[in-house]
């Protein structure tokens, strides 16, 4: 693969500045399983992990009484 031009390097650097990295610890076996699953789904490992996070957060937020707080229109506290 040919070396990147200075413009390509600059564009990639600018693009990558939009992101932060998050470290997740797991066993090598689990990492392999996650990578294999992502590949089987036709996505990158990062894409799969982000999708899993998004879907879980959406499901958690849709659950009644999500996050242990009162839902809209409810008053938290004991019933009369």
PDB file of N, CA and C in Angstrom:
ATOM      1  N   UNK A   1       0.858  -1.177   0.000  1.00  0.00           N
ATOM      2  CA  UNK A   1       0.000   0.000   0.000  1.00  0.00           C
ATOM      3  C   UNK A   1       0.903   1.238   0.000  1.00  0.00           C
ATOM      4  N   UNK A   2       0.592   2.185  -0.866  1.00  0.00           N
ATOM      5  CA  UNK A   2       1.431   3.381  -0.931  1.00  0.00           C
ATOM      6  C   UNK A   2       1.340   4.219   0.345  1.00  0.00           C
ATOM      7  N   UNK A   3       2.394   4.938   0.605  1.00  0.00           N
ATOM      8  CA  UNK A   3       2.443   5.829   1.775  1.00  0.00           C
ATOM      9  C   UNK A   3       1.387   6.918   1.641  1.00  0.00           C
ATOM     10  N   UNK A   4       0.814   7.316   2.771  1.00  0.00           N
ATOM     11  CA  UNK A   4      -0.214   8.366   2.757  1.00  0.00           C
ATOM     12  C   UNK A   4       0.422   9.710   2.449  1.00  0.00           C
ATOM     13  N   UNK A   5      -0.361  10.522   1.751  1.00  0.00           N
ATOM     14  CA  UNK A   5       0.105  11.873   1.466  1.00  0.00           C
ATOM     15  C   UNK A   5      -0.039  12.709   2.737  1.00  0.00           C
ATOM     16  N   UNK A   6       0.579  13.864   2.733  1.00  0.00           N
ATOM     17  CA  UNK A   6       0.456  14.764   3.891  1.00  0.00           C
ATOM     18  C   UNK A   6      -1.001  15.184   4.088  1.00  0.00           C
ATOM     19  N   UNK A   7      -1.726  15.405   2.999  1.00  0.00           N
ATOM     20  CA  UNK A   7      -3.138  15.788   3.109  1.00  0.00           C
ATOM     21  C   UNK A   7      -3.955  14.664   3.736  1.00  0.00           C
ATOM     22  N   UNK A   8      -3.666  13.420   3.344  1.00  0.00           N
ATOM     23  CA  UNK A   8      -4.376  12.274   3.925  1.00  0.00           C
ATOM     24  C   UNK A   8      -4.073  12.140   5.417  1.00  0.00           C
ATOM     25  N   UNK A   9      -2.804  12.321   5.770  1.00  0.00           N
ATOM     26  CA  UNK A   9      -2.417  12.244   7.185  1.00  0.00           C
ATOM     27  C   UNK A   9      -3.122  13.326   7.999  1.00  0.00           C
ATOM     28  N   UNK A  10      -3.181  14.540   7.455  1.00  0.00           N
ATOM     29  CA  UNK A  10      -3.837  15.658   8.136  1.00  0.00           C
ATOM     30  C   UNK A  10      -5.339  15.384   8.289  1.00  0.00           C
ATOM     31  N   UNK A  11      -5.961  14.875   7.245  1.00  0.00           N
ATOM     32  CA  UNK A  11      -7.396  14.578   7.291  1.00  0.00           C
ATOM     33  C   UNK A  11      -7.694  13.476   8.306  1.00  0.00           C
ATOM     34  N   UNK A  12      -6.858  12.452   8.346  1.00  0.00           N
ATOM     35  CA  UNK A  12      -7.070  11.369   9.309  1.00  0.00           C
ATOM     36  C   UNK A  12      -6.894  11.867  10.741  1.00  0.00           C
ATOM     37  N   UNK A  13      -5.889  12.699  10.949  1.00  0.00           N
ATOM     38  CA  UNK A  13      -5.663  13.247  12.289  1.00  0.00           C
ATOM     39  C   UNK A  13      -6.863  14.074  12.738  1.00  0.00           C
ATOM     40  N   UNK A  14      -7.381  14.912  11.847  1.00  0.00           N
ATOM     41  CA  UNK A  14      -8.549  15.736  12.177  1.00  0.00           C
ATOM     42  C   UNK A  14      -9.754  14.854  12.487  1.00  0.00           C
ATOM     43  N   UNK A  15      -9.968  13.802  11.713  1.00  0.00           N
ATOM     44  CA  UNK A  15     -11.077  12.870  11.929  1.00  0.00           C
ATOM     45  C   UNK A  15     -10.932  12.180  13.289  1.00  0.00           C
ATOM     46  N   UNK A  16      -9.745  11.702  13.606  1.00  0.00           N
ATOM     47  CA  UNK A  16      -9.523  10.952  14.849  1.00  0.00           C
ATOM     48  C   UNK A  16      -9.634  11.834  16.087  1.00  0.00           C
ATOM     49  N   UNK A  17      -9.468  13.143  15.942  1.00  0.00           N
ATOM     50  CA  UNK A  17      -9.606  14.055  17.081  1.00  0.00           C
ATOM     51  C   UNK A  17     -11.034  14.130  17.596  1.00  0.00           C
ATOM     52  N   UNK A  18     -11.992  13.633  16.814  1.00  0.00           N
ATOM     53  CA  UNK A  18     -13.395  13.635  17.216  1.00  0.00           C
ATOM     54  C   UNK A  18     -13.707  12.519  18.209  1.00  0.00           C
ATOM     55  N   UNK A  19     -12.785  11.598  18.408  1.00  0.00           N
ATOM     56  CA  UNK A  19     -13.042  10.404  19.195  1.00  0.00           C
ATOM     57  C   UNK A  19     -12.142  10.312  20.421  1.00  0.00           C
ATOM     58  N   UNK A  20     -12.597   9.538  21.397  1.00  0.00           N
ATOM     59  CA  UNK A  20     -11.765   9.165  22.538  1.00  0.00           C
ATOM     60  C   UNK A  20     -11.700   7.650  22.564  1.00  0.00           C
ATOM     61  N   UNK A  21     -10.687   7.128  23.194  1.00  0.00           N
ATOM     62  CA  UNK A  21     -10.550   5.684  23.334  1.00  0.00           C
ATOM     63  C   UNK A  21     -10.979   5.284  24.724  1.00  0.00           C
ATOM     64  N   UNK A  22     -11.631   4.132  24.808  1.00  0.00           N
ATOM     65  CA  UNK A  22     -12.060   3.568  26.081  1.00  0.00           C
ATOM     66  C   UNK A  22     -11.440   2.186  26.174  1.00  0.00           C
ATOM     67  N   UNK A  23     -10.753   1.932  27.256  1.00  0.00           N
ATOM     68  CA  UNK A  23     -10.121   0.633  27.433  1.00  0.00           C
ATOM     69  C   UNK A  23     -11.089  -0.307  28.151  1.00  0.00           C
ATOM     70  N   UNK A  24     -11.242  -1.507  27.612  1.00  0.00           N
ATOM     71  CA  UNK A  24     -12.080  -2.543  28.206  1.00  0.00           C
ATOM     72  C   UNK A  24     -11.194  -3.757  28.437  1.00  0.00           C
ATOM     73  N   UNK A  25     -11.230  -4.281  29.633  1.00  0.00           N
ATOM     74  CA  UNK A  25     -10.407  -5.448  29.934  1.00  0.00           C
ATOM     75  C   UNK A  25     -11.230  -6.716  29.784  1.00  0.00           C
ATOM     76  N   UNK A  26     -10.643  -7.705  29.112  1.00  0.00           N
ATOM     77  CA  UNK A  26     -11.267  -9.012  28.963  1.00  0.00           C
ATOM     78  C   UNK A  26     -10.175 -10.024  28.673  1.00  0.00           C
ATOM     79  N   UNK A  27     -10.524 -11.277  28.840  1.00  0.00           N
ATOM     80  CA  UNK A  27      -9.548 -12.334  28.562  1.00  0.00           C
ATOM     81  C   UNK A  27      -9.310 -12.417  27.057  1.00  0.00           C
ATOM     82  N   UNK A  28      -8.185 -12.962  26.672  1.00  0.00           N
ATOM     83  CA  UNK A  28      -7.939 -13.149  25.231  1.00  0.00           C
ATOM     84  C   UNK A  28      -9.020 -14.011  24.571  1.00  0.00           C
ATOM     85  N   UNK A  29      -9.524 -14.991  25.311  1.00  0.00           N
ATOM     86  CA  UNK A  29     -10.566 -15.858  24.765  1.00  0.00           C
ATOM     87  C   UNK A  29     -11.852 -15.072  24.491  1.00  0.00           C
ATOM     88  N   UNK A  30     -12.216 -14.203  25.427  1.00  0.00           N
ATOM     89  CA  UNK A  30     -13.424 -13.395  25.239  1.00  0.00           C
ATOM     90  C   UNK A  30     -13.234 -12.425  24.070  1.00  0.00           C
ATOM     91  N   UNK A  31     -12.054 -11.822  23.982  1.00  0.00           N
ATOM     92  CA  UNK A  31     -11.775 -10.917  22.862  1.00  0.00           C
ATOM     93  C   UNK A  31     -11.925 -11.644  21.538  1.00  0.00           C
ATOM     94  N   UNK A  32     -11.400 -12.851  21.457  1.00  0.00           N
ATOM     95  CA  UNK A  32     -11.520 -13.643  20.230  1.00  0.00           C
ATOM     96  C   UNK A  32     -12.976 -13.935  19.904  1.00  0.00           C
ATOM     97  N   UNK A  33     -13.762 -14.242  20.939  1.00  0.00           N
ATOM     98  CA  UNK A  33     -15.182 -14.524  20.729  1.00  0.00           C
ATOM     99  C   UNK A  33     -15.917 -13.271  20.245  1.00  0.00           C
ATOM    100  N   UNK A  34     -15.607 -12.121  20.828  1.00  0.00           N
ATOM    101  CA  UNK A  34     -16.238 -10.858  20.420  1.00  0.00           C
ATOM    102  C   UNK A  34     -15.850 -10.533  18.974  1.00  0.00           C
ATOM    103  N   UNK A  35     -14.578 -10.684  18.643  1.00  0.00           N
ATOM    104  CA  UNK A  35     -14.117 -10.403  17.286  1.00  0.00           C
ATOM    105  C   UNK A  35     -14.788 -11.334  16.277  1.00  0.00           C
ATOM    106  N   UNK A  36     -14.886 -12.620  16.621  1.00  0.00           N
ATOM    107  CA  UNK A  36     -15.513 -13.591  15.725  1.00  0.00           C
ATOM    108  C   UNK A  36     -16.990 -13.279  15.535  1.00  0.00           C
ATOM    109  N   UNK A  37     -17.660 -12.902  16.609  1.00  0.00           N
ATOM    110  CA  UNK A  37     -19.081 -12.566  16.508  1.00  0.00           C
ATOM    111  C   UNK A  37     -19.273 -11.328  15.628  1.00  0.00           C
ATOM    112  N   UNK A  38     -18.472 -10.318  15.856  1.00  0.00           N
ATOM    113  CA  UNK A  38     -18.573  -9.092  15.048  1.00  0.00           C
ATOM    114  C   UNK A  38     -18.353  -9.423  13.574  1.00  0.00           C
ATOM    115  N   UNK A  39     -17.342 -10.203  13.286  1.00  0.00           N
ATOM    116  CA  UNK A  39     -17.044 -10.568  11.901  1.00  0.00           C
ATOM    117  C   UNK A  39     -18.210 -11.342  11.282  1.00  0.00           C
ATOM    118  N   UNK A  40     -18.813 -12.252  12.058  1.00  0.00           N
ATOM    119  CA  UNK A  40     -19.955 -13.026  11.569  1.00  0.00           C
ATOM    120  C   UNK A  40     -21.152 -12.127  11.263  1.00  0.00           C
ATOM    121  N   UNK A  41     -21.230 -10.994  11.946  1.00  0.00           N
ATOM    122  CA  UNK A  41     -22.312 -10.034  11.716  1.00  0.00           C
ATOM    123  C   UNK A  41     -21.963  -9.038  10.619  1.00  0.00           C
ATOM    124  N   UNK A  42     -20.756  -9.157  10.081  1.00  0.00           N
ATOM    125  CA  UNK A  42     -20.325  -8.267   9.008  1.00  0.00           C
ATOM    126  C   UNK A  42     -19.955  -6.880   9.486  1.00  0.00           C
ATOM    127  N   UNK A  43     -19.482  -6.776  10.726  1.00  0.00           N
ATOM    128  CA  UNK A  43     -19.097  -5.470  11.246  1.00  0.00           C
ATOM    129  C   UNK A  43     -17.767  -5.550  11.965  1.00  0.00           C
ATOM    130  N   UNK A  44     -17.189  -4.387  12.197  1.00  0.00           N
ATOM    131  CA  UNK A  44     -15.929  -4.333  12.929  1.00  0.00           C
ATOM    132  C   UNK A  44     -16.197  -4.594  14.404  1.00  0.00           C
ATOM    133  N   UNK A  45     -15.148  -4.918  15.131  1.00  0.00           N
ATOM    134  CA  UNK A  45     -15.290  -5.126  16.567  1.00  0.00           C
ATOM    135  C   UNK A  45     -15.784  -3.846  17.236  1.00  0.00           C
ATOM    136  N   UNK A  46     -15.229  -2.708  16.853  1.00  0.00           N
ATOM    137  CA  UNK A  46     -15.661  -1.432  17.414  1.00  0.00           C
ATOM    138  C   UNK A  46     -17.125  -1.168  17.089  1.00  0.00           C
ATOM    139  N   UNK A  47     -17.518  -1.416  15.854  1.00  0.00           N
ATOM    140  CA  UNK A  47     -18.907  -1.223  15.455  1.00  0.00           C
ATOM    141  C   UNK A  47     -19.849  -2.101  16.249  1.00  0.00           C
ATOM    142  N   UNK A  48     -19.467  -3.363  16.440  1.00  0.00           N
ATOM    143  CA  UNK A  48     -20.298  -4.279  17.212  1.00  0.00           C
ATOM    144  C   UNK A  48     -20.428  -3.811  18.661  1.00  0.00           C
ATOM    145  N   UNK A  49     -19.322  -3.450  19.277  1.00  0.00           N
ATOM    146  CA  UNK A  49     -19.358  -3.010  20.677  1.00  0.00           C
ATOM    147  C   UNK A  49     -20.224  -1.758  20.819  1.00  0.00           C
ATOM    148  N   UNK A  50     -20.068  -0.806  19.905  1.00  0.00           N
ATOM    149  CA  UNK A  50     -20.894   0.406  19.969  1.00  0.00           C
ATOM    150  C   UNK A  50     -22.371   0.081  19.763  1.00  0.00           C
ATOM    151  N   UNK A  51     -22.681  -0.852  18.848  1.00  0.00           N
ATOM    152  CA  UNK A  51     -24.069  -1.248  18.636  1.00  0.00           C
ATOM    153  C   UNK A  51     -24.625  -1.928  19.880  1.00  0.00           C
ATOM    154  N   UNK A  52     -23.829  -2.791  20.506  1.00  0.00           N
ATOM    155  CA  UNK A  52     -24.277  -3.470  21.725  1.00  0.00           C
ATOM    156  C   UNK A  52     -24.559  -2.464  22.839  1.00  0.00           C
ATOM    157  N   UNK A  53     -23.711  -1.473  22.964  1.00  0.00           N
ATOM    158  CA  UNK A  53     -23.921  -0.430  23.972  1.00  0.00           C
ATOM    159  C   UNK A  53     -25.198   0.347  23.664  1.00  0.00           C
ATOM    160  N   UNK A  54     -25.356   0.778  22.408  1.00  0.00           N
ATOM    161  CA  UNK A  54     -26.543   1.552  22.022  1.00  0.00           C
ATOM    162  C   UNK A  54     -27.822   0.766  22.273  1.00  0.00           C
ATOM    163  N   UNK A  55     -27.847  -0.500  21.850  1.00  0.00           N
ATOM    164  CA  UNK A  55     -29.055  -1.313  22.012  1.00  0.00           C
ATOM    165  C   UNK A  55     -29.366  -1.566  23.481  1.00  0.00           C
ATOM    166  N   UNK A  56     -28.342  -1.788  24.285  1.00  0.00           N
ATOM    167  CA  UNK A  56     -28.569  -2.023  25.711  1.00  0.00           C
ATOM    168  C   UNK A  56     -29.081  -0.769  26.391  1.00  0.00           C
ATOM    169  N   UNK A  57     -28.492   0.378  26.071  1.00  0.00           N
ATOM    170  CA  UNK A  57     -28.954   1.630  26.670  1.00  0.00           C
ATOM    171  C   UNK A  57     -30.391   1.931  26.261  1.00  0.00           C
ATOM    172  N   UNK A  58     -30.717   1.692  24.999  1.00  0.00           N
ATOM    173  CA  UNK A  58     -32.080   1.920  24.523  1.00  0.00           C
ATOM    174  C   UNK A  58     -33.061   1.003  25.255  1.00  0.00           C
ATOM    175  N   UNK A  59     -32.709  -0.262  25.395  1.00  0.00           N
ATOM    176  CA  UNK A  59     -33.563  -1.223  26.093  1.00  0.00           C
ATOM    177  C   UNK A  59     -33.702  -0.847  27.570  1.00  0.00           C
ATOM    178  N   UNK A  60     -32.605  -0.474  28.213  1.00  0.00           N
ATOM    179  CA  UNK A  60     -32.649  -0.080  29.623  1.00  0.00           C
ATOM    180  C   UNK A  60     -33.516   1.163  29.824  1.00  0.00           C
ATOM    181  N   UNK A  61     -33.391   2.127  28.918  1.00  0.00           N
ATOM    182  CA  UNK A  61     -34.166   3.359  29.041  1.00  0.00           C
ATOM    183  C   UNK A  61     -35.648   3.148  28.742  1.00  0.00           C
ATOM    184  N   UNK A  62     -35.973   2.120  27.982  1.00  0.00           N
ATOM    185  CA  UNK A  62     -37.367   1.839  27.648  1.00  0.00           C
ATOM    186  C   UNK A  62     -38.054   1.019  28.740  1.00  0.00           C
ATOM    187  N   UNK A  63     -37.270   0.433  29.628  1.00  0.00           N
ATOM    188  CA  UNK A  63     -37.842  -0.412  30.686  1.00  0.00           C
ATOM    189  C   UNK A  63     -38.615   0.452  31.673  1.00  0.00           C
ATOM    190  N   UNK A  64     -39.765  -0.052  32.164  1.00  0.00           N
ATOM    191  CA  UNK A  64     -40.516   0.706  33.172  1.00  0.00           C
ATOM    192  C   UNK A  64     -39.634   0.988  34.388  1.00  0.00           C
ATOM    193  N   UNK A  65     -39.657   2.231  34.834  1.00  0.00           N
ATOM    194  CA  UNK A  65     -38.850   2.610  35.998  1.00  0.00           C
ATOM    195  C   UNK A  65     -37.363   2.537  35.723  1.00  0.00           C
ATOM    196  N   UNK A  66     -36.975   2.787  34.495  1.00  0.00           N
ATOM    197  CA  UNK A  66     -35.565   2.699  34.110  1.00  0.00           C
ATOM    198  C   UNK A  66     -34.695   3.533  35.035  1.00  0.00           C
ATOM    199  N   UNK A  67     -33.546   3.024  35.327  1.00  0.00           N
ATOM    200  CA  UNK A  67     -32.530   3.685  36.163  1.00  0.00           C
ATOM    201  C   UNK A  67     -33.042   3.956  37.574  1.00  0.00           C
ATOM    202  N   UNK A  68     -34.084   3.266  37.965  1.00  0.00           N
ATOM    203  CA  UNK A  68     -34.562   3.389  39.334  1.00  0.00           C
ATOM    204  C   UNK A  68     -35.263   4.691  39.634  1.00  0.00           C
ATOM    205  N   UNK A  69     -35.442   5.536  38.636  1.00  0.00           N
ATOM    206  CA  UNK A  69     -36.089   6.827  38.871  1.00  0.00           C
ATOM    207  C   UNK A  69     -37.547   6.787  38.483  1.00  0.00           C
ATOM    208  N   UNK A  70     -38.255   7.843  38.818  1.00  0.00           N
ATOM    209  CA  UNK A  70     -39.659   7.944  38.451  1.00  0.00           C
ATOM    210  C   UNK A  70     -39.759   8.216  36.953  1.00  0.00           C
ATOM    211  N   UNK A  71     -40.767   7.642  36.322  1.00  0.00           N
ATOM    212  CA  UNK A  71     -40.995   7.933  34.926  1.00  0.00           C
ATOM    213  C   UNK A  71     -41.764   9.234  34.823  1.00  0.00           C
ATOM    214  N   UNK A  72     -41.830   9.775  33.640  1.00  0.00           N
ATOM    215  CA  UNK A  72     -42.498  11.059  33.442  1.00  0.00           C
ATOM    216  C   UNK A  72     -43.931  10.993  33.962  1.00  0.00           C
ATOM    217  N   UNK A  73     -44.316  11.944  34.755  1.00  0.00           N
ATOM    218  CA  UNK A  73     -45.665  11.997  35.288  1.00  0.00           C
ATOM    219  C   UNK A  73     -45.830  11.277  36.610  1.00  0.00           C
ATOM    220  N   UNK A  74     -44.813  10.561  37.043  1.00  0.00           N
ATOM    221  CA  UNK A  74     -44.888   9.843  38.320  1.00  0.00           C
ATOM    222  C   UNK A  74     -44.165  10.636  39.393  1.00  0.00           C
ATOM    223  N   UNK A  75     -44.578  10.420  40.612  1.00  0.00           N
ATOM    224  CA  UNK A  75     -43.912  11.012  41.760  1.00  0.00           C
ATOM    225  C   UNK A  75     -43.235   9.872  42.493  1.00  0.00           C
ATOM    226  N   UNK A  76     -41.932  10.001  42.691  1.00  0.00           N
ATOM    227  CA  UNK A  76     -41.196   8.951  43.389  1.00  0.00           C
ATOM    228  C   UNK A  76     -41.531   9.007  44.861  1.00  0.00           C
ATOM    229  N   UNK A  77     -41.745   7.844  45.449  1.00  0.00           N
ATOM    230  CA  UNK A  77     -42.016   7.786  46.876  1.00  0.00           C
ATOM    231  C   UNK A  77     -43.045   6.718  47.190  1.00  0.00           C
ATOM    232  N   UNK A  78     -43.281   6.450  48.468  1.00  0.00           N
ATOM    233  CA  UNK A  78     -44.218   5.402  48.843  1.00  0.00           C
ATOM    234  C   UNK A  78     -45.647   5.778  48.484  1.00  0.00           C
ATOM    235  N   UNK A  79     -46.445   4.748  48.205  1.00  0.00           N
ATOM    236  CA  UNK A  79     -47.863   4.954  47.885  1.00  0.00           C
ATOM    237  C   UNK A  79     -48.643   5.195  49.138  1.00  0.00           C
ATOM    238  N   UNK A  80     -49.795   5.906  49.010  1.00  0.00           N
ATOM    239  CA  UNK A  80     -50.665   6.162  50.159  1.00  0.00           C
ATOM    240  C   UNK A  80     -51.498   4.972  50.489  1.00  0.00           C
TER     241      UNK A  80
END
